[in-house]
């Protein structure tokens, strides 16, 4: 399963609880057009930042690709990293879901 499966799945499952997903892609590691073509094949609802020349990677110490930020309903980033690293085992997935659900419960969404 690719990292984007995780992002799309988490977004679908938890967007109603206030989860926001931001993905960072590209930079010096891949070309824009092939990446855009691959991205168009997915049902991605979250923003994907194309990091031309890896400027954001340098500015924010992003040291691995792919990279994503998970933002809670309070607008604060509570997790940043490579989403594909989460599902190495079922226990990793369970621990991650506990973190995710705990963060989403901290703030009551109004609206």
C-alpha atoms as a PDB file:
ATOM      1  CA  UNK A   1       0.000   0.000   0.000  1.00  0.00           C
ATOM      2  CA  UNK A   2       1.418   3.364  -0.927  1.00  0.00           C
ATOM      3  CA  UNK A   3       1.742   6.367   1.359  1.00  0.00           C
ATOM      4  CA  UNK A   4      -1.019   8.179  -0.549  1.00  0.00           C
ATOM      5  CA  UNK A   5      -3.466   5.385   0.327  1.00  0.00           C
ATOM      6  CA  UNK A   6      -2.844   6.209   3.977  1.00  0.00           C
ATOM      7  CA  UNK A   7      -3.363   9.939   3.500  1.00  0.00           C
ATOM      8  CA  UNK A   8      -6.551   9.515   1.459  1.00  0.00           C
ATOM      9  CA  UNK A   9      -7.918   6.939   3.923  1.00  0.00           C
ATOM     10  CA  UNK A  10      -7.118   9.018   7.028  1.00  0.00           C
ATOM     11  CA  UNK A  11      -8.602  12.080   5.374  1.00  0.00           C
ATOM     12  CA  UNK A  12     -11.811  10.202   4.497  1.00  0.00           C
ATOM     13  CA  UNK A  13     -12.123   8.670   7.968  1.00  0.00           C
ATOM     14  CA  UNK A  14     -11.262  11.710  10.074  1.00  0.00           C
ATOM     15  CA  UNK A  15     -12.042  14.876   8.072  1.00  0.00           C
ATOM     16  CA  UNK A  16     -15.385  15.128   9.863  1.00  0.00           C
ATOM     17  CA  UNK A  17     -13.462  15.288  13.147  1.00  0.00           C
ATOM     18  CA  UNK A  18     -11.408  18.232  11.947  1.00  0.00           C
ATOM     19  CA  UNK A  19      -8.334  16.495  10.491  1.00  0.00           C
ATOM     20  CA  UNK A  20      -6.536  18.415   7.749  1.00  0.00           C
ATOM     21  CA  UNK A  21      -3.884  16.692   5.620  1.00  0.00           C
ATOM     22  CA  UNK A  22      -1.179  18.592   3.740  1.00  0.00           C
ATOM     23  CA  UNK A  23       1.200  16.651   1.517  1.00  0.00           C
ATOM     24  CA  UNK A  24       4.530  17.907   0.235  1.00  0.00           C
ATOM     25  CA  UNK A  25       5.798  16.424  -2.987  1.00  0.00           C
ATOM     26  CA  UNK A  26       8.452  16.854  -5.583  1.00  0.00           C
ATOM     27  CA  UNK A  27      11.490  18.983  -5.210  1.00  0.00           C
ATOM     28  CA  UNK A  28      14.680  17.701  -6.686  1.00  0.00           C
ATOM     29  CA  UNK A  29      13.469  14.109  -6.281  1.00  0.00           C
ATOM     30  CA  UNK A  30      10.951  14.013  -9.124  1.00  0.00           C
ATOM     31  CA  UNK A  31       9.660  16.020 -12.051  1.00  0.00           C
ATOM     32  CA  UNK A  32       6.422  18.003 -11.916  1.00  0.00           C
ATOM     33  CA  UNK A  33       4.510  16.610 -14.929  1.00  0.00           C
ATOM     34  CA  UNK A  34       4.887  12.887 -14.098  1.00  0.00           C
ATOM     35  CA  UNK A  35       3.978  13.651 -10.485  1.00  0.00           C
ATOM     36  CA  UNK A  36       0.923  15.659 -11.540  1.00  0.00           C
ATOM     37  CA  UNK A  37      -0.198  12.809 -13.816  1.00  0.00           C
ATOM     38  CA  UNK A  38       0.129  10.271 -10.982  1.00  0.00           C
ATOM     39  CA  UNK A  39      -1.700  12.570  -8.565  1.00  0.00           C
ATOM     40  CA  UNK A  40      -4.602  13.046 -11.004  1.00  0.00           C
ATOM     41  CA  UNK A  41      -5.312   9.289 -10.787  1.00  0.00           C
ATOM     42  CA  UNK A  42      -6.126   9.542  -7.070  1.00  0.00           C
ATOM     43  CA  UNK A  43      -9.139  10.949  -5.243  1.00  0.00           C
ATOM     44  CA  UNK A  44      -7.030  13.388  -3.271  1.00  0.00           C
ATOM     45  CA  UNK A  45      -8.981  16.018  -1.372  1.00  0.00           C
ATOM     46  CA  UNK A  46      -6.047  17.459   0.532  1.00  0.00           C
ATOM     47  CA  UNK A  47      -3.662  20.107  -0.772  1.00  0.00           C
ATOM     48  CA  UNK A  48      -0.398  18.897  -2.271  1.00  0.00           C
ATOM     49  CA  UNK A  49       2.445  21.397  -2.235  1.00  0.00           C
ATOM     50  CA  UNK A  50       4.847  20.990  -5.132  1.00  0.00           C
ATOM     51  CA  UNK A  51       8.217  21.839  -3.605  1.00  0.00           C
ATOM     52  CA  UNK A  52      10.036  23.215  -6.619  1.00  0.00           C
ATOM     53  CA  UNK A  53      13.762  22.982  -6.037  1.00  0.00           C
ATOM     54  CA  UNK A  54      13.203  21.643  -2.500  1.00  0.00           C
ATOM     55  CA  UNK A  55      13.003  25.176  -1.052  1.00  0.00           C
ATOM     56  CA  UNK A  56      10.462  24.116   1.593  1.00  0.00           C
ATOM     57  CA  UNK A  57      12.420  20.989   2.407  1.00  0.00           C
ATOM     58  CA  UNK A  58      15.424  23.132   3.252  1.00  0.00           C
ATOM     59  CA  UNK A  59      13.419  25.792   5.099  1.00  0.00           C
ATOM     60  CA  UNK A  60      11.479  23.339   7.272  1.00  0.00           C
ATOM     61  CA  UNK A  61      14.055  20.561   7.659  1.00  0.00           C
ATOM     62  CA  UNK A  62      12.059  18.016   5.681  1.00  0.00           C
ATOM     63  CA  UNK A  63      14.468  15.140   5.378  1.00  0.00           C
ATOM     64  CA  UNK A  64      12.447  12.427   3.705  1.00  0.00           C
ATOM     65  CA  UNK A  65       9.998  11.875   0.892  1.00  0.00           C
ATOM     66  CA  UNK A  66       7.129  11.543   0.811  1.00  0.00           C
ATOM     67  CA  UNK A  67       6.262  13.948   3.579  1.00  0.00           C
ATOM     68  CA  UNK A  68       2.966  15.040   5.067  1.00  0.00           C
ATOM     69  CA  UNK A  69       1.583  17.156   7.872  1.00  0.00           C
ATOM     70  CA  UNK A  70      -1.504  16.238   9.891  1.00  0.00           C
ATOM     71  CA  UNK A  71      -3.254  19.227  11.404  1.00  0.00           C
ATOM     72  CA  UNK A  72      -5.868  19.010  14.135  1.00  0.00           C
ATOM     73  CA  UNK A  73      -9.064  21.013  14.448  1.00  0.00           C
ATOM     74  CA  UNK A  74      -7.184  23.580  16.544  1.00  0.00           C
ATOM     75  CA  UNK A  75      -5.002  24.401  13.516  1.00  0.00           C
ATOM     76  CA  UNK A  76      -1.837  22.930  15.056  1.00  0.00           C
ATOM     77  CA  UNK A  77       0.390  20.357  13.389  1.00  0.00           C
ATOM     78  CA  UNK A  78       0.416  17.265  15.582  1.00  0.00           C
ATOM     79  CA  UNK A  79       2.299  14.924  13.254  1.00  0.00           C
ATOM     80  CA  UNK A  80       4.803  15.349  10.445  1.00  0.00           C
ATOM     81  CA  UNK A  81       6.665  12.664   8.615  1.00  0.00           C
ATOM     82  CA  UNK A  82       6.630   9.935   6.032  1.00  0.00           C
ATOM     83  CA  UNK A  83       3.179   8.310   6.035  1.00  0.00           C
ATOM     84  CA  UNK A  84       4.471   5.043   4.600  1.00  0.00           C
ATOM     85  CA  UNK A  85       6.500   4.504   7.773  1.00  0.00           C
ATOM     86  CA  UNK A  86       3.325   4.163   9.860  1.00  0.00           C
ATOM     87  CA  UNK A  87       1.986   0.864   8.587  1.00  0.00           C
ATOM     88  CA  UNK A  88       4.979  -1.363   8.965  1.00  0.00           C
ATOM     89  CA  UNK A  89       2.984  -3.527  11.393  1.00  0.00           C
ATOM     90  CA  UNK A  90      -0.556  -3.645  12.738  1.00  0.00           C
ATOM     91  CA  UNK A  91       0.742  -2.402  16.107  1.00  0.00           C
ATOM     92  CA  UNK A  92       2.250   0.668  14.372  1.00  0.00           C
ATOM     93  CA  UNK A  93      -1.114   1.387  12.762  1.00  0.00           C
ATOM     94  CA  UNK A  94      -2.934   0.944  16.094  1.00  0.00           C
ATOM     95  CA  UNK A  95      -0.509   3.240  17.940  1.00  0.00           C
ATOM     96  CA  UNK A  96      -0.829   5.849  15.194  1.00  0.00           C
ATOM     97  CA  UNK A  97      -4.631   5.720  15.299  1.00  0.00           C
ATOM     98  CA  UNK A  98      -4.537   6.211  19.087  1.00  0.00           C
ATOM     99  CA  UNK A  99      -2.381   9.324  18.591  1.00  0.00           C
ATOM    100  CA  UNK A 100      -4.586  10.615  15.780  1.00  0.00           C
ATOM    101  CA  UNK A 101      -7.866  10.045  17.619  1.00  0.00           C
ATOM    102  CA  UNK A 102      -6.447  11.487  20.844  1.00  0.00           C
ATOM    103  CA  UNK A 103      -5.427  14.679  19.054  1.00  0.00           C
ATOM    104  CA  UNK A 104      -8.804  15.000  17.352  1.00  0.00           C
ATOM    105  CA  UNK A 105     -10.648  14.587  20.685  1.00  0.00           C
ATOM    106  CA  UNK A 106      -8.696  17.418  22.339  1.00  0.00           C
ATOM    107  CA  UNK A 107     -10.592  20.132  20.526  1.00  0.00           C
ATOM    108  CA  UNK A 108     -14.321  20.354  20.069  1.00  0.00           C
ATOM    109  CA  UNK A 109     -15.204  21.322  16.525  1.00  0.00           C
ATOM    110  CA  UNK A 110     -17.805  24.082  16.362  1.00  0.00           C
ATOM    111  CA  UNK A 111     -19.895  24.564  13.278  1.00  0.00           C
END
